[in-house]
Amino acid sequence: MFIVSILCSCGDEQSFIPKPRAYPKVEYPTKAYQIFDKDYCNMSFEFPVYANVERDTSFFEDKPSNPCWFNLLIPQFNCYLYCTYSKINNSGEFSKLIDDAFVLAYEHDKKANFIEDALITNENGLGGIEFSLSGPAATPYQFFITDTTSNFLRASLYFKTKVQPDSLKPIIDFVKMDMKNLIRTFKFNESK
């Protein structure tokens, strides 16, 4: 009886394999841009039509050091580009702003697998450095752009979600294309 039950259990039944974990399908918006030209900032650039501008009115418990601090929010991807503007009054301030940008980018070295920095220039004669971070760092992309004499803008991209570099990579690449367009079209205007 025992042998018969073993032989009966060895049939050609199909074994089931669980499906691998999957991530939701992402619907990417059509690339289109609008001009950023706010009265509280002396700059202009193109940013995505699917992004919103939020003026930053507080820095912890204080006011920002400049009224031209703002965030670009892309609600569909739950990400922000935090932008801080600084007026350059002398070469010492310029050096400190650059040092701060490097410190803030490389502070993520604890979690990032790799940080690549590269010089950037745009069609309006401005320059700066972009930082591309790979791995489970809080920010995958940062940059600063400046005219080296009067104006300095630093920006950091953050996602309001748990850092999952593999699943976020397509979204990061999509948003980085928008950031590169922002840099390409960026210019400082005469003081307002």
N, C-alpha and C. Protein backbone atom coordinates (compact mmCIF):
# COMPACT_ATOMS: atom_id res chain seq x y z
N MET A 1 0.82 -1.18 0.00
CA MET A 1 0.00 0.00 0.00
C MET A 1 0.87 1.26 0.00
N PHE A 2 1.93 1.21 0.77
CA PHE A 2 2.87 2.34 0.85
C PHE A 2 3.52 2.60 -0.51
N ILE A 3 3.95 1.53 -1.18
CA ILE A 3 4.61 1.66 -2.49
C ILE A 3 3.61 2.19 -3.52
N VAL A 4 2.39 1.77 -3.47
CA VAL A 4 1.37 2.23 -4.42
C VAL A 4 1.11 3.73 -4.24
N SER A 5 1.05 4.21 -2.98
CA SER A 5 0.82 5.64 -2.76
C SER A 5 2.00 6.49 -3.24
N ILE A 6 3.21 5.97 -3.12
CA ILE A 6 4.39 6.71 -3.62
C ILE A 6 4.35 6.78 -5.14
N LEU A 7 4.02 5.68 -5.78
CA LEU A 7 3.96 5.66 -7.24
C LEU A 7 2.85 6.56 -7.77
N CYS A 8 1.75 6.64 -7.07
CA CYS A 8 0.64 7.51 -7.50
C CYS A 8 1.00 8.99 -7.34
N SER A 9 1.82 9.31 -6.37
CA SER A 9 2.19 10.71 -6.15
C SER A 9 3.24 11.21 -7.14
N CYS A 10 3.81 10.36 -7.92
CA CYS A 10 4.85 10.74 -8.88
C CYS A 10 4.26 10.96 -10.26
N GLY A 11 3.10 11.53 -10.34
CA GLY A 11 2.45 11.74 -11.63
C GLY A 11 3.08 12.88 -12.40
N ASP A 12 2.48 13.19 -13.53
CA ASP A 12 2.96 14.27 -14.40
C ASP A 12 2.32 15.60 -14.05
N GLU A 13 2.10 15.83 -12.79
CA GLU A 13 1.49 17.08 -12.38
C GLU A 13 2.45 18.24 -12.65
N GLN A 14 1.89 19.35 -13.02
CA GLN A 14 2.69 20.53 -13.31
C GLN A 14 3.06 21.22 -12.00
N SER A 15 4.32 21.53 -11.84
CA SER A 15 4.74 22.26 -10.64
C SER A 15 4.69 23.76 -10.94
N PHE A 16 4.29 24.51 -9.95
CA PHE A 16 4.14 25.95 -10.14
C PHE A 16 5.36 26.68 -9.62
N ILE A 17 5.80 27.67 -10.39
CA ILE A 17 6.95 28.50 -10.01
C ILE A 17 6.42 29.90 -9.77
N PRO A 18 6.74 30.49 -8.63
CA PRO A 18 6.23 31.85 -8.38
C PRO A 18 6.82 32.85 -9.37
N LYS A 19 6.02 33.85 -9.69
CA LYS A 19 6.49 34.90 -10.59
C LYS A 19 7.52 35.75 -9.88
N PRO A 20 8.50 36.23 -10.62
CA PRO A 20 9.49 37.11 -9.97
C PRO A 20 8.85 38.45 -9.59
N ARG A 21 9.46 39.12 -8.62
CA ARG A 21 8.96 40.44 -8.20
C ARG A 21 9.06 41.39 -9.38
N ALA A 22 8.04 42.19 -9.55
CA ALA A 22 8.03 43.15 -10.65
C ALA A 22 7.69 44.53 -10.11
N TYR A 23 8.03 45.53 -10.86
CA TYR A 23 7.74 46.90 -10.48
C TYR A 23 6.66 47.45 -11.40
N PRO A 24 5.89 48.41 -10.92
CA PRO A 24 4.81 48.93 -11.77
C PRO A 24 5.34 49.59 -13.03
N LYS A 25 4.53 49.53 -14.05
CA LYS A 25 4.90 50.18 -15.31
C LYS A 25 4.83 51.69 -15.12
N VAL A 26 5.83 52.37 -15.63
CA VAL A 26 5.89 53.83 -15.51
C VAL A 26 5.44 54.44 -16.82
N GLU A 27 4.51 55.36 -16.73
CA GLU A 27 4.04 56.11 -17.90
C GLU A 27 4.84 57.41 -17.96
N TYR A 28 5.66 57.55 -18.98
CA TYR A 28 6.48 58.75 -19.13
C TYR A 28 5.72 59.82 -19.90
N PRO A 29 5.75 61.05 -19.40
CA PRO A 29 5.08 62.13 -20.13
C PRO A 29 5.86 62.51 -21.39
N THR A 30 5.18 63.16 -22.30
CA THR A 30 5.83 63.66 -23.51
C THR A 30 6.73 64.83 -23.14
N LYS A 31 7.94 64.83 -23.67
CA LYS A 31 8.89 65.90 -23.38
C LYS A 31 8.40 67.21 -24.00
N ALA A 32 8.23 68.20 -23.15
CA ALA A 32 7.87 69.56 -23.58
C ALA A 32 8.35 70.49 -22.47
N TYR A 33 8.72 71.69 -22.85
CA TYR A 33 9.33 72.61 -21.89
C TYR A 33 8.63 73.96 -21.87
N GLN A 34 8.78 74.63 -20.74
CA GLN A 34 8.28 76.00 -20.55
C GLN A 34 9.42 76.84 -19.97
N ILE A 35 9.28 78.14 -20.03
CA ILE A 35 10.33 79.05 -19.57
C ILE A 35 10.12 79.40 -18.10
N PHE A 36 11.18 79.25 -17.31
CA PHE A 36 11.19 79.74 -15.93
C PHE A 36 11.68 81.18 -15.99
N ASP A 37 10.86 82.10 -15.56
CA ASP A 37 11.23 83.52 -15.55
C ASP A 37 10.42 84.19 -14.44
N LYS A 38 10.81 83.91 -13.21
CA LYS A 38 10.07 84.43 -12.04
C LYS A 38 10.62 85.78 -11.63
N ASP A 39 9.76 86.63 -11.10
CA ASP A 39 10.18 87.97 -10.71
C ASP A 39 11.10 87.98 -9.49
N TYR A 40 11.16 86.91 -8.74
CA TYR A 40 12.03 86.85 -7.56
C TYR A 40 13.40 86.25 -7.88
N CYS A 41 13.65 85.93 -9.15
CA CYS A 41 14.95 85.37 -9.56
C CYS A 41 15.46 86.09 -10.80
N ASN A 42 16.76 86.26 -10.88
CA ASN A 42 17.36 86.92 -12.05
C ASN A 42 17.95 85.88 -13.00
N MET A 43 17.14 84.88 -13.32
CA MET A 43 17.59 83.81 -14.22
C MET A 43 16.41 83.32 -15.03
N SER A 44 16.74 82.62 -16.10
CA SER A 44 15.71 81.95 -16.89
C SER A 44 16.29 80.66 -17.45
N PHE A 45 15.41 79.71 -17.70
CA PHE A 45 15.79 78.41 -18.26
C PHE A 45 14.52 77.67 -18.65
N GLU A 46 14.70 76.60 -19.38
CA GLU A 46 13.58 75.75 -19.74
C GLU A 46 13.46 74.62 -18.72
N PHE A 47 12.21 74.38 -18.29
CA PHE A 47 11.97 73.24 -17.41
C PHE A 47 10.72 72.51 -17.90
N PRO A 48 10.54 71.25 -17.52
CA PRO A 48 9.43 70.46 -18.08
C PRO A 48 8.06 71.03 -17.74
N VAL A 49 7.12 70.88 -18.67
CA VAL A 49 5.75 71.35 -18.44
C VAL A 49 5.06 70.49 -17.38
N TYR A 50 5.56 69.31 -17.12
CA TYR A 50 4.98 68.43 -16.10
C TYR A 50 5.62 68.65 -14.73
N ALA A 51 6.39 69.72 -14.59
CA ALA A 51 7.01 70.08 -13.30
C ALA A 51 6.36 71.35 -12.76
N ASN A 52 6.34 71.47 -11.45
CA ASN A 52 5.80 72.66 -10.78
C ASN A 52 6.93 73.38 -10.05
N VAL A 53 6.84 74.69 -10.01
CA VAL A 53 7.81 75.50 -9.27
C VAL A 53 7.23 75.80 -7.90
N GLU A 54 8.01 75.50 -6.87
CA GLU A 54 7.62 75.83 -5.50
C GLU A 54 8.70 76.72 -4.91
N ARG A 55 8.33 77.90 -4.55
CA ARG A 55 9.28 78.82 -3.93
C ARG A 55 9.60 78.34 -2.52
N ASP A 56 10.87 78.33 -2.19
CA ASP A 56 11.31 77.89 -0.86
C ASP A 56 11.31 79.10 0.06
N THR A 57 10.41 79.10 1.01
CA THR A 57 10.26 80.26 1.89
C THR A 57 10.84 80.04 3.28
N SER A 58 11.33 78.83 3.55
CA SER A 58 11.93 78.60 4.87
C SER A 58 13.15 77.70 4.74
N PHE A 59 14.13 77.99 5.56
CA PHE A 59 15.35 77.20 5.64
C PHE A 59 15.49 76.81 7.10
N PHE A 60 15.03 75.60 7.42
CA PHE A 60 14.86 75.16 8.81
C PHE A 60 13.89 76.15 9.47
N GLU A 61 14.30 76.89 10.45
CA GLU A 61 13.38 77.83 11.12
C GLU A 61 13.58 79.27 10.62
N ASP A 62 14.54 79.49 9.73
CA ASP A 62 14.84 80.84 9.24
C ASP A 62 14.37 81.01 7.81
N LYS A 63 14.56 82.23 7.32
CA LYS A 63 14.31 82.49 5.91
C LYS A 63 15.56 82.10 5.12
N PRO A 64 15.40 81.71 3.84
CA PRO A 64 16.58 81.43 3.02
C PRO A 64 17.46 82.66 2.90
N SER A 65 18.74 82.42 2.65
CA SER A 65 19.66 83.55 2.55
C SER A 65 19.42 84.40 1.31
N ASN A 66 18.65 83.88 0.35
CA ASN A 66 18.32 84.62 -0.86
C ASN A 66 16.87 84.31 -1.21
N PRO A 67 16.10 85.30 -1.68
CA PRO A 67 14.70 85.04 -2.04
C PRO A 67 14.55 84.11 -3.25
N CYS A 68 15.63 83.85 -3.96
CA CYS A 68 15.57 83.00 -5.15
C CYS A 68 16.01 81.56 -4.81
N TRP A 69 15.38 80.99 -3.81
CA TRP A 69 15.53 79.57 -3.54
C TRP A 69 14.21 78.93 -3.92
N PHE A 70 14.24 77.89 -4.72
CA PHE A 70 13.01 77.27 -5.21
C PHE A 70 13.26 75.78 -5.46
N ASN A 71 12.16 75.07 -5.63
CA ASN A 71 12.21 73.64 -5.95
C ASN A 71 11.40 73.40 -7.21
N LEU A 72 11.89 72.50 -8.04
CA LEU A 72 11.11 72.01 -9.17
C LEU A 72 10.58 70.64 -8.77
N LEU A 73 9.29 70.51 -8.69
CA LEU A 73 8.65 69.27 -8.29
C LEU A 73 8.07 68.58 -9.52
N ILE A 74 8.38 67.30 -9.67
CA ILE A 74 7.76 66.49 -10.72
C ILE A 74 6.88 65.48 -9.99
N PRO A 75 5.59 65.81 -9.80
CA PRO A 75 4.71 64.96 -8.98
C PRO A 75 4.57 63.54 -9.49
N GLN A 76 4.59 63.36 -10.80
CA GLN A 76 4.42 62.02 -11.38
C GLN A 76 5.51 61.06 -10.91
N PHE A 77 6.72 61.58 -10.67
CA PHE A 77 7.83 60.73 -10.23
C PHE A 77 8.17 60.94 -8.77
N ASN A 78 7.44 61.83 -8.10
CA ASN A 78 7.67 62.12 -6.69
C ASN A 78 9.13 62.54 -6.45
N CYS A 79 9.61 63.44 -7.29
CA CYS A 79 10.99 63.92 -7.14
C CYS A 79 11.04 65.44 -7.15
N TYR A 80 12.10 65.95 -6.54
CA TYR A 80 12.32 67.39 -6.43
C TYR A 80 13.73 67.72 -6.91
N LEU A 81 13.86 68.86 -7.55
CA LEU A 81 15.17 69.44 -7.81
C LEU A 81 15.24 70.67 -6.91
N TYR A 82 16.05 70.57 -5.85
CA TYR A 82 16.21 71.67 -4.90
C TYR A 82 17.24 72.64 -5.47
N CYS A 83 16.86 73.91 -5.64
CA CYS A 83 17.73 74.91 -6.25
C CYS A 83 17.99 76.04 -5.26
N THR A 84 19.28 76.34 -5.07
CA THR A 84 19.66 77.44 -4.18
C THR A 84 20.54 78.41 -4.96
N TYR A 85 20.16 79.66 -4.93
CA TYR A 85 20.91 80.72 -5.63
C TYR A 85 21.70 81.53 -4.62
N SER A 86 22.91 81.90 -5.02
CA SER A 86 23.75 82.78 -4.19
C SER A 86 24.35 83.87 -5.05
N LYS A 87 24.37 85.06 -4.52
CA LYS A 87 25.04 86.20 -5.16
C LYS A 87 26.51 86.12 -4.77
N ILE A 88 27.39 86.30 -5.74
CA ILE A 88 28.85 86.29 -5.48
C ILE A 88 29.30 87.73 -5.31
N ASN A 89 29.85 88.05 -4.15
CA ASN A 89 30.33 89.40 -3.89
C ASN A 89 31.84 89.53 -4.02
N ASN A 90 32.56 88.44 -3.82
CA ASN A 90 34.03 88.48 -3.94
C ASN A 90 34.55 87.08 -4.22
N SER A 91 35.84 86.99 -4.53
CA SER A 91 36.43 85.70 -4.90
C SER A 91 36.43 84.71 -3.74
N GLY A 92 36.50 85.21 -2.52
CA GLY A 92 36.45 84.32 -1.36
C GLY A 92 35.10 83.62 -1.26
N GLU A 93 34.03 84.35 -1.50
CA GLU A 93 32.69 83.75 -1.49
C GLU A 93 32.56 82.72 -2.61
N PHE A 94 33.10 83.03 -3.78
CA PHE A 94 33.04 82.11 -4.91
C PHE A 94 33.74 80.79 -4.57
N SER A 95 34.92 80.88 -3.99
CA SER A 95 35.66 79.67 -3.60
C SER A 95 34.89 78.86 -2.57
N LYS A 96 34.26 79.54 -1.61
CA LYS A 96 33.49 78.84 -0.59
C LYS A 96 32.27 78.15 -1.19
N LEU A 97 31.60 78.79 -2.13
CA LEU A 97 30.44 78.17 -2.78
C LEU A 97 30.84 76.90 -3.54
N ILE A 98 31.97 76.95 -4.22
CA ILE A 98 32.44 75.76 -4.95
C ILE A 98 32.83 74.67 -3.96
N ASP A 99 33.56 75.04 -2.92
CA ASP A 99 33.93 74.05 -1.89
C ASP A 99 32.70 73.41 -1.28
N ASP A 100 31.70 74.22 -0.95
CA ASP A 100 30.46 73.70 -0.37
C ASP A 100 29.76 72.73 -1.33
N ALA A 101 29.75 73.04 -2.62
CA ALA A 101 29.11 72.16 -3.61
C ALA A 101 29.81 70.80 -3.65
N PHE A 102 31.14 70.80 -3.59
CA PHE A 102 31.87 69.53 -3.59
C PHE A 102 31.63 68.77 -2.29
N VAL A 103 31.64 69.47 -1.16
CA VAL A 103 31.40 68.82 0.13
C VAL A 103 30.02 68.19 0.16
N LEU A 104 29.01 68.93 -0.29
CA LEU A 104 27.64 68.41 -0.27
C LEU A 104 27.47 67.22 -1.22
N ALA A 105 28.13 67.24 -2.35
CA ALA A 105 28.04 66.11 -3.29
C ALA A 105 28.77 64.89 -2.73
N TYR A 106 29.99 65.09 -2.26
CA TYR A 106 30.79 63.96 -1.80
C TYR A 106 30.42 63.49 -0.39
N GLU A 107 29.51 64.20 0.26
CA GLU A 107 28.97 63.72 1.53
C GLU A 107 28.19 62.43 1.32
N HIS A 108 27.70 62.21 0.10
CA HIS A 108 26.95 61.00 -0.24
C HIS A 108 27.87 59.83 -0.58
N ASP A 109 29.17 60.05 -0.47
CA ASP A 109 30.15 59.01 -0.78
C ASP A 109 30.00 57.79 0.14
N LYS A 110 29.41 57.98 1.30
CA LYS A 110 29.22 56.88 2.25
C LYS A 110 28.29 55.82 1.68
N LYS A 111 27.30 56.24 0.92
CA LYS A 111 26.32 55.31 0.36
C LYS A 111 26.50 55.07 -1.14
N ALA A 112 27.03 56.05 -1.85
CA ALA A 112 27.16 55.93 -3.30
C ALA A 112 28.23 54.90 -3.66
N ASN A 113 27.98 54.15 -4.73
CA ASN A 113 28.99 53.22 -5.23
C ASN A 113 30.07 53.97 -6.01
N PHE A 114 29.64 55.07 -6.65
CA PHE A 114 30.56 55.81 -7.50
C PHE A 114 30.03 57.22 -7.67
N ILE A 115 30.92 58.20 -7.68
CA ILE A 115 30.55 59.59 -7.96
C ILE A 115 31.43 60.07 -9.09
N GLU A 116 30.79 60.55 -10.13
CA GLU A 116 31.53 61.08 -11.28
C GLU A 116 31.21 62.56 -11.39
N ASP A 117 32.26 63.39 -11.40
CA ASP A 117 32.03 64.81 -11.62
C ASP A 117 32.60 65.19 -12.98
N ALA A 118 31.92 66.10 -13.65
CA ALA A 118 32.32 66.51 -15.00
C ALA A 118 32.04 67.99 -15.18
N LEU A 119 32.91 68.64 -15.92
CA LEU A 119 32.71 70.06 -16.25
C LEU A 119 31.52 70.20 -17.20
N ILE A 120 30.77 71.26 -17.00
CA ILE A 120 29.66 71.55 -17.91
C ILE A 120 29.78 72.99 -18.40
N THR A 121 29.38 73.22 -19.62
CA THR A 121 29.26 74.56 -20.17
C THR A 121 27.96 74.58 -20.97
N ASN A 122 27.43 75.77 -21.16
CA ASN A 122 26.19 75.85 -21.93
C ASN A 122 26.32 76.87 -23.04
N GLU A 123 25.26 77.00 -23.81
CA GLU A 123 25.27 77.88 -24.99
C GLU A 123 25.31 79.36 -24.62
N ASN A 124 25.12 79.70 -23.34
CA ASN A 124 25.14 81.09 -22.90
C ASN A 124 26.47 81.47 -22.22
N GLY A 125 27.47 80.62 -22.33
CA GLY A 125 28.80 80.92 -21.80
C GLY A 125 28.96 80.65 -20.32
N LEU A 126 28.00 79.98 -19.70
CA LEU A 126 28.10 79.66 -18.28
C LEU A 126 28.74 78.30 -18.10
N GLY A 127 29.30 78.08 -16.93
CA GLY A 127 29.95 76.80 -16.67
C GLY A 127 29.69 76.33 -15.26
N GLY A 128 30.12 75.12 -15.00
CA GLY A 128 29.95 74.55 -13.67
C GLY A 128 30.40 73.11 -13.67
N ILE A 129 29.88 72.35 -12.73
CA ILE A 129 30.22 70.94 -12.59
C ILE A 129 28.94 70.18 -12.27
N GLU A 130 28.81 69.01 -12.90
CA GLU A 130 27.71 68.10 -12.58
C GLU A 130 28.28 66.89 -11.85
N PHE A 131 27.49 66.36 -10.92
CA PHE A 131 27.87 65.20 -10.13
C PHE A 131 26.84 64.11 -10.38
N SER A 132 27.25 63.00 -10.96
CA SER A 132 26.37 61.85 -11.16
C SER A 132 26.75 60.80 -10.14
N LEU A 133 25.79 60.40 -9.31
CA LEU A 133 26.03 59.45 -8.24
C LEU A 133 25.30 58.15 -8.56
N SER A 134 26.00 57.04 -8.41
CA SER A 134 25.36 55.75 -8.64
C SER A 134 25.34 54.97 -7.34
N GLY A 135 24.38 54.07 -7.24
CA GLY A 135 24.23 53.28 -6.02
C GLY A 135 23.14 53.86 -5.14
N PRO A 136 23.06 53.40 -3.90
CA PRO A 136 21.95 53.79 -3.02
C PRO A 136 22.14 55.14 -2.32
N ALA A 137 22.64 56.13 -3.03
CA ALA A 137 22.80 57.47 -2.46
C ALA A 137 21.46 58.19 -2.50
N ALA A 138 21.26 59.14 -1.60
CA ALA A 138 20.00 59.86 -1.51
C ALA A 138 19.72 60.71 -2.74
N THR A 139 20.75 61.21 -3.38
CA THR A 139 20.60 62.05 -4.56
C THR A 139 21.38 61.44 -5.72
N PRO A 140 20.75 61.21 -6.86
CA PRO A 140 21.48 60.64 -7.99
C PRO A 140 22.17 61.68 -8.88
N TYR A 141 21.80 62.97 -8.70
CA TYR A 141 22.35 63.98 -9.62
C TYR A 141 22.36 65.34 -8.93
N GLN A 142 23.48 66.04 -9.07
CA GLN A 142 23.64 67.39 -8.55
C GLN A 142 24.45 68.19 -9.56
N PHE A 143 24.31 69.50 -9.52
CA PHE A 143 25.15 70.34 -10.36
C PHE A 143 25.17 71.75 -9.79
N PHE A 144 26.17 72.51 -10.24
CA PHE A 144 26.14 73.95 -10.02
C PHE A 144 26.52 74.61 -11.32
N ILE A 145 25.98 75.81 -11.51
CA ILE A 145 26.25 76.59 -12.71
C ILE A 145 26.48 78.03 -12.28
N THR A 146 27.46 78.69 -12.93
CA THR A 146 27.86 80.02 -12.48
C THR A 146 28.43 80.83 -13.64
N ASP A 147 28.42 82.15 -13.44
CA ASP A 147 29.13 83.03 -14.37
C ASP A 147 30.49 83.40 -13.79
N THR A 148 30.84 82.89 -12.64
CA THR A 148 32.10 83.04 -11.90
C THR A 148 32.35 84.43 -11.33
N THR A 149 31.49 85.39 -11.62
CA THR A 149 31.73 86.75 -11.11
C THR A 149 30.61 87.26 -10.21
N SER A 150 29.35 86.91 -10.51
CA SER A 150 28.23 87.50 -9.78
C SER A 150 27.18 86.51 -9.30
N ASN A 151 27.01 85.40 -10.01
CA ASN A 151 25.86 84.52 -9.76
C ASN A 151 26.27 83.06 -9.66
N PHE A 152 25.59 82.32 -8.79
CA PHE A 152 25.90 80.92 -8.55
C PHE A 152 24.60 80.18 -8.21
N LEU A 153 24.29 79.11 -8.93
CA LEU A 153 23.12 78.29 -8.65
C LEU A 153 23.57 76.86 -8.44
N ARG A 154 23.12 76.26 -7.34
CA ARG A 154 23.39 74.86 -7.03
C ARG A 154 22.07 74.11 -7.00
N ALA A 155 22.04 72.89 -7.57
CA ALA A 155 20.80 72.11 -7.62
C ALA A 155 21.09 70.65 -7.28
N SER A 156 20.14 70.02 -6.56
CA SER A 156 20.24 68.61 -6.18
C SER A 156 18.91 67.92 -6.44
N LEU A 157 18.98 66.76 -7.07
CA LEU A 157 17.79 65.98 -7.38
C LEU A 157 17.58 64.93 -6.29
N TYR A 158 16.37 64.90 -5.73
CA TYR A 158 16.01 63.92 -4.70
C TYR A 158 14.68 63.28 -5.05
N PHE A 159 14.53 62.01 -4.72
CA PHE A 159 13.27 61.31 -4.85
C PHE A 159 12.70 61.10 -3.47
N LYS A 160 11.40 61.33 -3.32
CA LYS A 160 10.73 61.15 -2.03
C LYS A 160 10.27 59.70 -1.90
N THR A 161 11.22 58.80 -1.93
CA THR A 161 10.94 57.37 -1.82
C THR A 161 12.19 56.67 -1.33
N LYS A 162 12.05 55.42 -0.95
CA LYS A 162 13.20 54.63 -0.54
C LYS A 162 14.15 54.51 -1.73
N VAL A 163 15.43 54.63 -1.48
CA VAL A 163 16.41 54.59 -2.56
C VAL A 163 16.52 53.16 -3.08
N GLN A 164 16.13 52.97 -4.33
CA GLN A 164 16.24 51.69 -5.02
C GLN A 164 16.84 51.98 -6.39
N PRO A 165 18.16 52.05 -6.47
CA PRO A 165 18.79 52.50 -7.71
C PRO A 165 18.41 51.70 -8.96
N ASP A 166 18.22 50.39 -8.82
CA ASP A 166 17.89 49.60 -10.00
C ASP A 166 16.50 49.93 -10.54
N SER A 167 15.52 50.03 -9.65
CA SER A 167 14.16 50.30 -10.13
C SER A 167 13.97 51.76 -10.52
N LEU A 168 14.74 52.67 -9.92
CA LEU A 168 14.61 54.09 -10.25
C LEU A 168 15.44 54.51 -11.46
N LYS A 169 16.37 53.68 -11.90
CA LYS A 169 17.29 54.07 -12.96
C LYS A 169 16.60 54.61 -14.21
N PRO A 170 15.56 53.95 -14.74
CA PRO A 170 14.92 54.53 -15.94
C PRO A 170 14.32 55.91 -15.67
N ILE A 171 13.75 56.10 -14.50
CA ILE A 171 13.17 57.40 -14.15
C ILE A 171 14.28 58.43 -13.98
N ILE A 172 15.36 58.05 -13.31
CA ILE A 172 16.50 58.96 -13.13
C ILE A 172 17.04 59.40 -14.48
N ASP A 173 17.21 58.45 -15.40
CA ASP A 173 17.72 58.79 -16.73
C ASP A 173 16.77 59.75 -17.46
N PHE A 174 15.47 59.53 -17.32
CA PHE A 174 14.47 60.40 -17.95
C PHE A 174 14.56 61.82 -17.38
N VAL A 175 14.63 61.93 -16.06
CA VAL A 175 14.69 63.24 -15.40
C VAL A 175 16.04 63.92 -15.67
N LYS A 176 17.13 63.15 -15.74
CA LYS A 176 18.44 63.75 -16.04
C LYS A 176 18.45 64.42 -17.41
N MET A 177 17.70 63.88 -18.36
CA MET A 177 17.60 64.53 -19.67
C MET A 177 16.97 65.91 -19.53
N ASP A 178 15.98 66.03 -18.65
CA ASP A 178 15.36 67.34 -18.39
C ASP A 178 16.34 68.28 -17.70
N MET A 179 17.15 67.76 -16.78
CA MET A 179 18.13 68.59 -16.08
C MET A 179 19.21 69.07 -17.04
N LYS A 180 19.62 68.22 -17.96
CA LYS A 180 20.62 68.62 -18.95
C LYS A 180 20.07 69.70 -19.88
N ASN A 181 18.78 69.63 -20.20
CA ASN A 181 18.15 70.69 -20.99
C ASN A 181 18.09 71.98 -20.19
N LEU A 182 17.79 71.87 -18.90
CA LEU A 182 17.78 73.05 -18.03
C LEU A 182 19.15 73.72 -18.06
N ILE A 183 20.21 72.94 -17.91
CA ILE A 183 21.57 73.48 -17.92
C ILE A 183 21.88 74.11 -19.28
N ARG A 184 21.51 73.44 -20.35
CA ARG A 184 21.80 73.93 -21.70
C ARG A 184 21.17 75.29 -21.96
N THR A 185 19.96 75.52 -21.43
CA THR A 185 19.22 76.76 -21.72
C THR A 185 19.35 77.80 -20.61
N PHE A 186 20.09 77.50 -19.56
CA PHE A 186 20.17 78.36 -18.39
C PHE A 186 20.92 79.65 -18.70
N LYS A 187 20.39 80.77 -18.18
CA LYS A 187 21.13 82.05 -18.26
C LYS A 187 20.74 82.94 -17.10
N PHE A 188 21.68 83.75 -16.67
CA PHE A 188 21.42 84.76 -15.64
C PHE A 188 21.01 86.03 -16.35
N ASN A 189 19.95 86.66 -15.88
CA ASN A 189 19.47 87.92 -16.45
C ASN A 189 20.05 89.08 -15.66
N GLU A 190 19.81 90.27 -16.16
CA GLU A 190 20.19 91.45 -15.40
C GLU A 190 19.42 91.45 -14.10
N SER A 191 19.98 91.98 -13.05
CA SER A 191 19.33 91.97 -11.73
C SER A 191 17.95 92.60 -11.82
N LYS A 192 17.01 91.92 -11.13
CA LYS A 192 15.63 92.41 -11.12
C LYS A 192 15.37 93.21 -9.90
